[in-house]
């Protein structure tokens, strides 16, 4: 199963720089989105380092990932793939933490992280800190980063409520924040036509992402999801960087469809 991808990022109203970074490699079925902390110096440096380190680590691991996936008993390789992905993020965490410790101007720099590695028919998702990942299938939307089903047909708490309560603006867990790191991990079996959405907290703190995703029909271009999320977040946010990345799973050969308008940083086309 292959995918097409589209991303858009903006540094936000009144900001001079974009602290979000993302990278997509459609041939290796990998995507990552990192958001540098607004509350420490060097947040964009931490996000940039996290993207590069995890990307390079997974490139090295790619043959082993597929070797594991080809094992005769489906599922027997999941724990090993999890170990490899956690190891890549731990490497990024240690490198960023040590650089911040040795450079006073970058002290306490850190970043959120959402990484998606697809192997065969399964998506392996890792998550640290802010931002969220979603799976859209048919008329339903599942938030992968906490497992709650979000759909207009079910009662739910708005994604923006946490921001209104004043508890979501500071990263409680982040890459580079401390010597060790706690990484959330999830495996999802995929189907043809699935859409995966990764968004920074500049979007998830201010928008009901599930409602926006659900409002875009399956017949519409999937890029419309990223465009709509970014535009809505820019209207509502108080200056956060905003980034949305959408992946659509297809039987056709993998291709990076494109990126929308960017402001303030290197993105997919510059990092591939």
C-alpha atoms as a PDB file:
ATOM      1  CA  UNK A   1       0.000   0.000   0.000  1.00  0.00           C
ATOM      2  CA  UNK A   2       1.358   3.404  -1.005  1.00  0.00           C
ATOM      3  CA  UNK A   3       0.483   6.969  -0.155  1.00  0.00           C
ATOM      4  CA  UNK A   4       0.223  10.449  -1.487  1.00  0.00           C
ATOM      5  CA  UNK A   5       0.927  13.390   0.790  1.00  0.00           C
ATOM      6  CA  UNK A   6       0.212  17.087   1.052  1.00  0.00           C
ATOM      7  CA  UNK A   7       1.355  19.558   3.697  1.00  0.00           C
ATOM      8  CA  UNK A   8       0.912  23.204   4.523  1.00  0.00           C
ATOM      9  CA  UNK A   9       2.577  25.288   7.234  1.00  0.00           C
ATOM     10  CA  UNK A  10       2.442  28.913   8.358  1.00  0.00           C
ATOM     11  CA  UNK A  11       4.357  30.711  11.113  1.00  0.00           C
ATOM     12  CA  UNK A  12       1.118  32.259  12.406  1.00  0.00           C
ATOM     13  CA  UNK A  13      -0.196  35.753  12.959  1.00  0.00           C
ATOM     14  CA  UNK A  14       2.311  38.239  14.288  1.00  0.00           C
ATOM     15  CA  UNK A  15       5.232  35.797  14.339  1.00  0.00           C
ATOM     16  CA  UNK A  16       8.643  36.373  12.777  1.00  0.00           C
ATOM     17  CA  UNK A  17       9.571  32.691  12.465  1.00  0.00           C
ATOM     18  CA  UNK A  18       7.990  29.274  12.081  1.00  0.00           C
ATOM     19  CA  UNK A  19       8.884  26.748  14.789  1.00  0.00           C
ATOM     20  CA  UNK A  20       7.197  23.806  13.053  1.00  0.00           C
ATOM     21  CA  UNK A  21       9.161  21.385  10.868  1.00  0.00           C
ATOM     22  CA  UNK A  22       7.990  18.392   8.863  1.00  0.00           C
ATOM     23  CA  UNK A  23       9.352  15.857   6.413  1.00  0.00           C
ATOM     24  CA  UNK A  24       7.715  13.307   4.120  1.00  0.00           C
ATOM     25  CA  UNK A  25       9.372  10.416   2.282  1.00  0.00           C
ATOM     26  CA  UNK A  26       6.633   8.724   0.212  1.00  0.00           C
ATOM     27  CA  UNK A  27       8.973   6.074  -1.215  1.00  0.00           C
ATOM     28  CA  UNK A  28       9.886   4.923   2.307  1.00  0.00           C
ATOM     29  CA  UNK A  29       6.357   5.496   3.627  1.00  0.00           C
ATOM     30  CA  UNK A  30       7.523   7.811   6.388  1.00  0.00           C
ATOM     31  CA  UNK A  31       6.326  11.172   7.732  1.00  0.00           C
ATOM     32  CA  UNK A  32       7.283  13.270  10.729  1.00  0.00           C
ATOM     33  CA  UNK A  33       6.017  16.560  12.188  1.00  0.00           C
ATOM     34  CA  UNK A  34       7.795  18.411  14.993  1.00  0.00           C
ATOM     35  CA  UNK A  35       6.791  21.641  16.735  1.00  0.00           C
ATOM     36  CA  UNK A  36       9.441  23.598  18.618  1.00  0.00           C
ATOM     37  CA  UNK A  37       8.400  24.932  22.022  1.00  0.00           C
ATOM     38  CA  UNK A  38       7.346  28.586  22.134  1.00  0.00           C
ATOM     39  CA  UNK A  39       8.409  28.858  25.767  1.00  0.00           C
ATOM     40  CA  UNK A  40      12.160  28.272  25.371  1.00  0.00           C
ATOM     41  CA  UNK A  41      14.869  29.648  23.098  1.00  0.00           C
ATOM     42  CA  UNK A  42      15.814  27.440  20.186  1.00  0.00           C
ATOM     43  CA  UNK A  43      12.505  25.650  19.752  1.00  0.00           C
ATOM     44  CA  UNK A  44      12.891  25.689  15.981  1.00  0.00           C
ATOM     45  CA  UNK A  45      16.431  24.290  16.358  1.00  0.00           C
ATOM     46  CA  UNK A  46      15.106  21.396  18.437  1.00  0.00           C
ATOM     47  CA  UNK A  47      12.341  20.681  15.900  1.00  0.00           C
ATOM     48  CA  UNK A  48      14.791  20.762  12.997  1.00  0.00           C
ATOM     49  CA  UNK A  49      17.223  18.439  14.791  1.00  0.00           C
ATOM     50  CA  UNK A  50      14.466  15.994  15.731  1.00  0.00           C
ATOM     51  CA  UNK A  51      13.239  15.741  12.136  1.00  0.00           C
ATOM     52  CA  UNK A  52      16.720  15.128  10.730  1.00  0.00           C
ATOM     53  CA  UNK A  53      17.880  12.659  13.392  1.00  0.00           C
ATOM     54  CA  UNK A  54      14.753  10.488  13.320  1.00  0.00           C
ATOM     55  CA  UNK A  55      14.623  10.614   9.519  1.00  0.00           C
ATOM     56  CA  UNK A  56      18.233   9.468   9.176  1.00  0.00           C
ATOM     57  CA  UNK A  57      17.835   6.749  11.817  1.00  0.00           C
ATOM     58  CA  UNK A  58      14.806   5.267  10.067  1.00  0.00           C
ATOM     59  CA  UNK A  59      16.560   5.349   6.709  1.00  0.00           C
ATOM     60  CA  UNK A  60      19.275   3.182   8.244  1.00  0.00           C
ATOM     61  CA  UNK A  61      16.654   0.834   9.725  1.00  0.00           C
ATOM     62  CA  UNK A  62      14.499   0.501   6.598  1.00  0.00           C
ATOM     63  CA  UNK A  63      15.892  -2.887   5.413  1.00  0.00           C
ATOM     64  CA  UNK A  64      15.502  -4.325   8.900  1.00  0.00           C
ATOM     65  CA  UNK A  65      11.945  -3.014   9.211  1.00  0.00           C
ATOM     66  CA  UNK A  66      10.916  -4.860   6.046  1.00  0.00           C
ATOM     67  CA  UNK A  67      12.794  -7.976   7.067  1.00  0.00           C
ATOM     68  CA  UNK A  68      10.844  -8.011  10.308  1.00  0.00           C
ATOM     69  CA  UNK A  69       7.547  -7.398   8.535  1.00  0.00           C
ATOM     70  CA  UNK A  70       8.126 -10.392   6.244  1.00  0.00           C
ATOM     71  CA  UNK A  71       8.177 -12.804   9.187  1.00  0.00           C
ATOM     72  CA  UNK A  72       5.661 -15.662   8.678  1.00  0.00           C
ATOM     73  CA  UNK A  73       3.562 -14.922  11.789  1.00  0.00           C
ATOM     74  CA  UNK A  74       1.809 -11.575  11.438  1.00  0.00           C
ATOM     75  CA  UNK A  75       2.297  -9.418  14.488  1.00  0.00           C
ATOM     76  CA  UNK A  76       5.372 -11.189  15.837  1.00  0.00           C
ATOM     77  CA  UNK A  77       7.545  -8.303  14.644  1.00  0.00           C
ATOM     78  CA  UNK A  78       5.527  -5.471  16.194  1.00  0.00           C
ATOM     79  CA  UNK A  79       7.525  -5.323  19.420  1.00  0.00           C
ATOM     80  CA  UNK A  80      10.821  -5.184  17.549  1.00  0.00           C
ATOM     81  CA  UNK A  81       9.596  -2.415  15.240  1.00  0.00           C
ATOM     82  CA  UNK A  82       8.390  -0.530  18.301  1.00  0.00           C
ATOM     83  CA  UNK A  83      11.838  -0.915  19.873  1.00  0.00           C
ATOM     84  CA  UNK A  84      13.534   0.459  16.741  1.00  0.00           C
ATOM     85  CA  UNK A  85      11.207   3.471  16.488  1.00  0.00           C
ATOM     86  CA  UNK A  86      11.540   4.298  20.174  1.00  0.00           C
ATOM     87  CA  UNK A  87      15.307   4.026  19.775  1.00  0.00           C
ATOM     88  CA  UNK A  88      15.330   6.558  16.937  1.00  0.00           C
ATOM     89  CA  UNK A  89      13.408   9.069  19.045  1.00  0.00           C
ATOM     90  CA  UNK A  90      15.604   8.388  22.074  1.00  0.00           C
ATOM     91  CA  UNK A  91      18.640   9.179  19.930  1.00  0.00           C
ATOM     92  CA  UNK A  92      17.095  12.510  18.913  1.00  0.00           C
ATOM     93  CA  UNK A  93      16.144  13.276  22.509  1.00  0.00           C
ATOM     94  CA  UNK A  94      19.642  12.636  23.850  1.00  0.00           C
ATOM     95  CA  UNK A  95      21.319  14.669  21.091  1.00  0.00           C
ATOM     96  CA  UNK A  96      19.013  17.672  21.538  1.00  0.00           C
ATOM     97  CA  UNK A  97      19.229  17.557  25.327  1.00  0.00           C
ATOM     98  CA  UNK A  98      23.042  17.439  25.283  1.00  0.00           C
ATOM     99  CA  UNK A  99      23.296  20.305  22.804  1.00  0.00           C
ATOM    100  CA  UNK A 100      21.017  22.435  24.962  1.00  0.00           C
ATOM    101  CA  UNK A 101      22.987  21.554  28.085  1.00  0.00           C
ATOM    102  CA  UNK A 102      26.268  22.636  26.479  1.00  0.00           C
ATOM    103  CA  UNK A 103      24.916  25.825  24.859  1.00  0.00           C
ATOM    104  CA  UNK A 104      23.359  28.366  27.266  1.00  0.00           C
ATOM    105  CA  UNK A 105      21.579  30.168  24.443  1.00  0.00           C
ATOM    106  CA  UNK A 106      19.745  26.908  23.633  1.00  0.00           C
ATOM    107  CA  UNK A 107      19.175  25.754  27.207  1.00  0.00           C
ATOM    108  CA  UNK A 108      15.893  23.863  27.678  1.00  0.00           C
ATOM    109  CA  UNK A 109      15.088  23.862  23.954  1.00  0.00           C
ATOM    110  CA  UNK A 110      12.630  21.091  23.092  1.00  0.00           C
ATOM    111  CA  UNK A 111      10.038  19.981  20.553  1.00  0.00           C
ATOM    112  CA  UNK A 112       6.904  17.907  20.189  1.00  0.00           C
ATOM    113  CA  UNK A 113       7.021  14.998  17.726  1.00  0.00           C
ATOM    114  CA  UNK A 114       4.609  12.858  15.728  1.00  0.00           C
ATOM    115  CA  UNK A 115       6.191  10.246  13.450  1.00  0.00           C
ATOM    116  CA  UNK A 116       4.432   7.807  11.158  1.00  0.00           C
ATOM    117  CA  UNK A 117       6.121   4.762   9.603  1.00  0.00           C
ATOM    118  CA  UNK A 118       4.051   2.532   7.337  1.00  0.00           C
ATOM    119  CA  UNK A 119       5.263  -1.033   6.851  1.00  0.00           C
ATOM    120  CA  UNK A 120       3.081  -3.299   4.733  1.00  0.00           C
ATOM    121  CA  UNK A 121      -0.549  -2.885   5.845  1.00  0.00           C
ATOM    122  CA  UNK A 122       0.230  -1.302   9.210  1.00  0.00           C
ATOM    123  CA  UNK A 123       0.969   2.219  10.405  1.00  0.00           C
ATOM    124  CA  UNK A 124       3.303   2.570  13.389  1.00  0.00           C
ATOM    125  CA  UNK A 125       2.727   5.904  15.109  1.00  0.00           C
ATOM    126  CA  UNK A 126       4.985   7.481  17.732  1.00  0.00           C
ATOM    127  CA  UNK A 127       4.035  10.634  19.619  1.00  0.00           C
ATOM    128  CA  UNK A 128       5.637  12.931  22.191  1.00  0.00           C
ATOM    129  CA  UNK A 129       4.126  16.186  23.503  1.00  0.00           C
ATOM    130  CA  UNK A 130       1.718  18.404  21.578  1.00  0.00           C
ATOM    131  CA  UNK A 131      -0.048  17.997  18.268  1.00  0.00           C
ATOM    132  CA  UNK A 132      -2.228  15.080  17.227  1.00  0.00           C
ATOM    133  CA  UNK A 133      -2.614  12.348  14.643  1.00  0.00           C
ATOM    134  CA  UNK A 134      -5.963  11.286  13.168  1.00  0.00           C
ATOM    135  CA  UNK A 135      -7.256   8.478  10.968  1.00  0.00           C
ATOM    136  CA  UNK A 136     -10.209   9.242   8.676  1.00  0.00           C
ATOM    137  CA  UNK A 137     -12.004   6.179   7.305  1.00  0.00           C
ATOM    138  CA  UNK A 138     -15.394   6.431   5.658  1.00  0.00           C
ATOM    139  CA  UNK A 139     -17.561   8.730   7.800  1.00  0.00           C
ATOM    140  CA  UNK A 140     -15.583   8.244  11.028  1.00  0.00           C
ATOM    141  CA  UNK A 141     -12.504   9.886  12.460  1.00  0.00           C
ATOM    142  CA  UNK A 142     -10.244   8.359  15.105  1.00  0.00           C
ATOM    143  CA  UNK A 143      -7.723  10.394  17.076  1.00  0.00           C
ATOM    144  CA  UNK A 144      -4.731   8.090  17.086  1.00  0.00           C
ATOM    145  CA  UNK A 145      -2.796   9.879  19.785  1.00  0.00           C
ATOM    146  CA  UNK A 146      -5.269   9.038  22.536  1.00  0.00           C
ATOM    147  CA  UNK A 147      -7.620   6.490  20.990  1.00  0.00           C
ATOM    148  CA  UNK A 148     -10.899   8.424  21.382  1.00  0.00           C
ATOM    149  CA  UNK A 149     -13.372   8.086  18.553  1.00  0.00           C
ATOM    150  CA  UNK A 150     -14.327  11.530  17.326  1.00  0.00           C
ATOM    151  CA  UNK A 151     -17.256  11.915  14.991  1.00  0.00           C
ATOM    152  CA  UNK A 152     -20.314  14.157  14.726  1.00  0.00           C
ATOM    153  CA  UNK A 153     -22.354  11.079  15.638  1.00  0.00           C
ATOM    154  CA  UNK A 154     -20.747  10.760  19.084  1.00  0.00           C
ATOM    155  CA  UNK A 155     -20.544  13.077  22.128  1.00  0.00           C
ATOM    156  CA  UNK A 156     -17.058  14.575  22.523  1.00  0.00           C
ATOM    157  CA  UNK A 157     -15.008  17.318  24.080  1.00  0.00           C
ATOM    158  CA  UNK A 158     -13.822  19.943  21.624  1.00  0.00           C
ATOM    159  CA  UNK A 159     -10.107  19.924  20.815  1.00  0.00           C
ATOM    160  CA  UNK A 160     -10.048  23.620  21.716  1.00  0.00           C
ATOM    161  CA  UNK A 161     -11.350  23.183  25.277  1.00  0.00           C
ATOM    162  CA  UNK A 162      -7.940  22.367  26.728  1.00  0.00           C
ATOM    163  CA  UNK A 163      -6.598  25.654  25.396  1.00  0.00           C
ATOM    164  CA  UNK A 164      -9.524  27.571  26.899  1.00  0.00           C
ATOM    165  CA  UNK A 165      -8.693  25.980  30.248  1.00  0.00           C
ATOM    166  CA  UNK A 166      -5.122  27.194  29.912  1.00  0.00           C
ATOM    167  CA  UNK A 167      -3.444  23.785  30.249  1.00  0.00           C
ATOM    168  CA  UNK A 168      -2.260  23.033  26.729  1.00  0.00           C
ATOM    169  CA  UNK A 169       0.134  25.872  25.962  1.00  0.00           C
ATOM    170  CA  UNK A 170       3.181  24.363  27.684  1.00  0.00           C
ATOM    171  CA  UNK A 171       4.675  21.044  26.603  1.00  0.00           C
ATOM    172  CA  UNK A 172       4.543  18.602  29.512  1.00  0.00           C
ATOM    173  CA  UNK A 173       6.558  16.026  27.539  1.00  0.00           C
ATOM    174  CA  UNK A 174       8.909  16.932  24.733  1.00  0.00           C
ATOM    175  CA  UNK A 175      11.941  15.748  22.796  1.00  0.00           C
ATOM    176  CA  UNK A 176      15.075  17.254  24.364  1.00  0.00           C
ATOM    177  CA  UNK A 177      13.386  18.281  27.594  1.00  0.00           C
ATOM    178  CA  UNK A 178      15.174  15.760  29.853  1.00  0.00           C
ATOM    179  CA  UNK A 179      17.787  12.956  29.562  1.00  0.00           C
ATOM    180  CA  UNK A 180      15.077  10.281  29.260  1.00  0.00           C
ATOM    181  CA  UNK A 181      11.889  10.300  27.233  1.00  0.00           C
ATOM    182  CA  UNK A 182       8.440   8.694  27.382  1.00  0.00           C
ATOM    183  CA  UNK A 183       7.104   7.890  23.888  1.00  0.00           C
ATOM    184  CA  UNK A 184       3.508   6.952  23.071  1.00  0.00           C
ATOM    185  CA  UNK A 185       3.238   4.168  20.490  1.00  0.00           C
ATOM    186  CA  UNK A 186       0.328   2.813  18.463  1.00  0.00           C
ATOM    187  CA  UNK A 187      -0.185   0.318  15.631  1.00  0.00           C
ATOM    188  CA  UNK A 188      -3.075   0.709  13.178  1.00  0.00           C
ATOM    189  CA  UNK A 189      -4.105  -1.715  10.439  1.00  0.00           C
ATOM    190  CA  UNK A 190      -4.761   0.270   7.272  1.00  0.00           C
ATOM    191  CA  UNK A 191      -7.284   0.064   4.462  1.00  0.00           C
ATOM    192  CA  UNK A 192      -7.304   1.434   0.938  1.00  0.00           C
ATOM    193  CA  UNK A 193      -8.641   4.992   0.940  1.00  0.00           C
ATOM    194  CA  UNK A 194      -7.660   5.797   4.530  1.00  0.00           C
ATOM    195  CA  UNK A 195      -6.554   9.359   5.229  1.00  0.00           C
ATOM    196  CA  UNK A 196      -4.015  10.096   7.956  1.00  0.00           C
ATOM    197  CA  UNK A 197      -3.770  13.620   9.336  1.00  0.00           C
ATOM    198  CA  UNK A 198      -0.884  14.959  11.419  1.00  0.00           C
ATOM    199  CA  UNK A 199      -1.244  18.451  12.873  1.00  0.00           C
ATOM    200  CA  UNK A 200       0.735  20.674  15.203  1.00  0.00           C
ATOM    201  CA  UNK A 201      -0.753  22.019  18.435  1.00  0.00           C
ATOM    202  CA  UNK A 202      -1.246  25.374  16.715  1.00  0.00           C
ATOM    203  CA  UNK A 203      -4.114  23.592  14.966  1.00  0.00           C
ATOM    204  CA  UNK A 204      -5.292  21.002  17.493  1.00  0.00           C
ATOM    205  CA  UNK A 205      -5.468  23.572  20.335  1.00  0.00           C
ATOM    206  CA  UNK A 206      -7.785  25.865  18.387  1.00  0.00           C
ATOM    207  CA  UNK A 207      -9.784  23.654  16.006  1.00  0.00           C
ATOM    208  CA  UNK A 208     -12.108  20.678  16.292  1.00  0.00           C
ATOM    209  CA  UNK A 209      -9.930  18.708  13.904  1.00  0.00           C
ATOM    210  CA  UNK A 210     -12.280  15.724  13.650  1.00  0.00           C
ATOM    211  CA  UNK A 211     -15.176  17.934  12.534  1.00  0.00           C
ATOM    212  CA  UNK A 212     -13.030  19.638   9.919  1.00  0.00           C
ATOM    213  CA  UNK A 213     -11.743  16.307   8.594  1.00  0.00           C
ATOM    214  CA  UNK A 214     -15.280  14.926   8.532  1.00  0.00           C
ATOM    215  CA  UNK A 215     -16.565  17.939   6.623  1.00  0.00           C
ATOM    216  CA  UNK A 216     -14.325  17.137   3.645  1.00  0.00           C
ATOM    217  CA  UNK A 217     -16.028  14.395   1.568  1.00  0.00           C
ATOM    218  CA  UNK A 218     -14.030  11.402   0.382  1.00  0.00           C
ATOM    219  CA  UNK A 219     -14.613  12.543  -3.182  1.00  0.00           C
ATOM    220  CA  UNK A 220     -12.841  15.865  -2.534  1.00  0.00           C
ATOM    221  CA  UNK A 221      -9.066  16.284  -2.941  1.00  0.00           C
ATOM    222  CA  UNK A 222      -7.421  15.302   0.333  1.00  0.00           C
ATOM    223  CA  UNK A 223      -5.246  18.442   0.184  1.00  0.00           C
ATOM    224  CA  UNK A 224      -8.403  20.391   1.067  1.00  0.00           C
ATOM    225  CA  UNK A 225      -8.149  19.029   4.624  1.00  0.00           C
ATOM    226  CA  UNK A 226      -4.733  20.616   5.207  1.00  0.00           C
ATOM    227  CA  UNK A 227      -5.765  23.896   3.614  1.00  0.00           C
ATOM    228  CA  UNK A 228      -8.960  24.140   5.652  1.00  0.00           C
ATOM    229  CA  UNK A 229      -7.247  23.292   8.944  1.00  0.00           C
ATOM    230  CA  UNK A 230      -4.510  25.882   8.472  1.00  0.00           C
ATOM    231  CA  UNK A 231      -6.886  28.639   7.394  1.00  0.00           C
ATOM    232  CA  UNK A 232      -9.206  27.990  10.339  1.00  0.00           C
ATOM    233  CA  UNK A 233      -6.329  27.895  12.824  1.00  0.00           C
ATOM    234  CA  UNK A 234      -4.928  31.182  11.502  1.00  0.00           C
ATOM    235  CA  UNK A 235      -8.307  32.805  12.120  1.00  0.00           C
ATOM    236  CA  UNK A 236      -8.548  31.520  15.686  1.00  0.00           C
ATOM    237  CA  UNK A 237      -5.029  31.155  17.079  1.00  0.00           C
ATOM    238  CA  UNK A 238      -3.074  33.724  19.060  1.00  0.00           C
ATOM    239  CA  UNK A 239       0.101  33.531  17.003  1.00  0.00           C
ATOM    240  CA  UNK A 240       1.114  29.859  17.137  1.00  0.00           C
ATOM    241  CA  UNK A 241       2.868  28.251  14.182  1.00  0.00           C
ATOM    242  CA  UNK A 242       0.379  26.003  12.377  1.00  0.00           C
ATOM    243  CA  UNK A 243       1.070  22.913  10.276  1.00  0.00           C
ATOM    244  CA  UNK A 244      -1.138  20.196   8.789  1.00  0.00           C
ATOM    245  CA  UNK A 245       0.062  17.131   6.893  1.00  0.00           C
ATOM    246  CA  UNK A 246      -2.399  14.797   5.150  1.00  0.00           C
ATOM    247  CA  UNK A 247      -1.602  11.359   3.738  1.00  0.00           C
ATOM    248  CA  UNK A 248      -3.994   9.391   1.547  1.00  0.00           C
ATOM    249  CA  UNK A 249      -3.427   5.658   1.059  1.00  0.00           C
ATOM    250  CA  UNK A 250      -3.717   4.373  -2.480  1.00  0.00           C
ATOM    251  CA  UNK A 251      -2.858   1.346  -4.590  1.00  0.00           C
ATOM    252  CA  UNK A 252      -1.006   3.523  -7.088  1.00  0.00           C
ATOM    253  CA  UNK A 253       2.729   4.184  -6.873  1.00  0.00           C
ATOM    254  CA  UNK A 254       3.765   6.471  -4.030  1.00  0.00           C
ATOM    255  CA  UNK A 255       4.189  10.126  -4.873  1.00  0.00           C
ATOM    256  CA  UNK A 256       4.543  13.384  -2.977  1.00  0.00           C
ATOM    257  CA  UNK A 257       1.674  15.362  -4.446  1.00  0.00           C
ATOM    258  CA  UNK A 258       2.890  18.684  -3.191  1.00  0.00           C
ATOM    259  CA  UNK A 259       2.997  21.282  -0.477  1.00  0.00           C
ATOM    260  CA  UNK A 260       0.863  24.338   0.070  1.00  0.00           C
ATOM    261  CA  UNK A 261       2.056  27.842   0.853  1.00  0.00           C
ATOM    262  CA  UNK A 262       4.770  27.885   3.495  1.00  0.00           C
ATOM    263  CA  UNK A 263       6.138  30.692   5.585  1.00  0.00           C
ATOM    264  CA  UNK A 264       9.181  30.656   7.770  1.00  0.00           C
ATOM    265  CA  UNK A 265      11.117  27.396   7.552  1.00  0.00           C
ATOM    266  CA  UNK A 266      12.402  24.368   5.597  1.00  0.00           C
ATOM    267  CA  UNK A 267       9.794  21.770   4.718  1.00  0.00           C
ATOM    268  CA  UNK A 268       9.283  18.610   2.703  1.00  0.00           C
ATOM    269  CA  UNK A 269      10.698  19.768  -0.637  1.00  0.00           C
ATOM    270  CA  UNK A 270      13.849  21.076   1.074  1.00  0.00           C
ATOM    271  CA  UNK A 271      14.451  18.032   3.273  1.00  0.00           C
ATOM    272  CA  UNK A 272      13.925  15.105   0.896  1.00  0.00           C
END
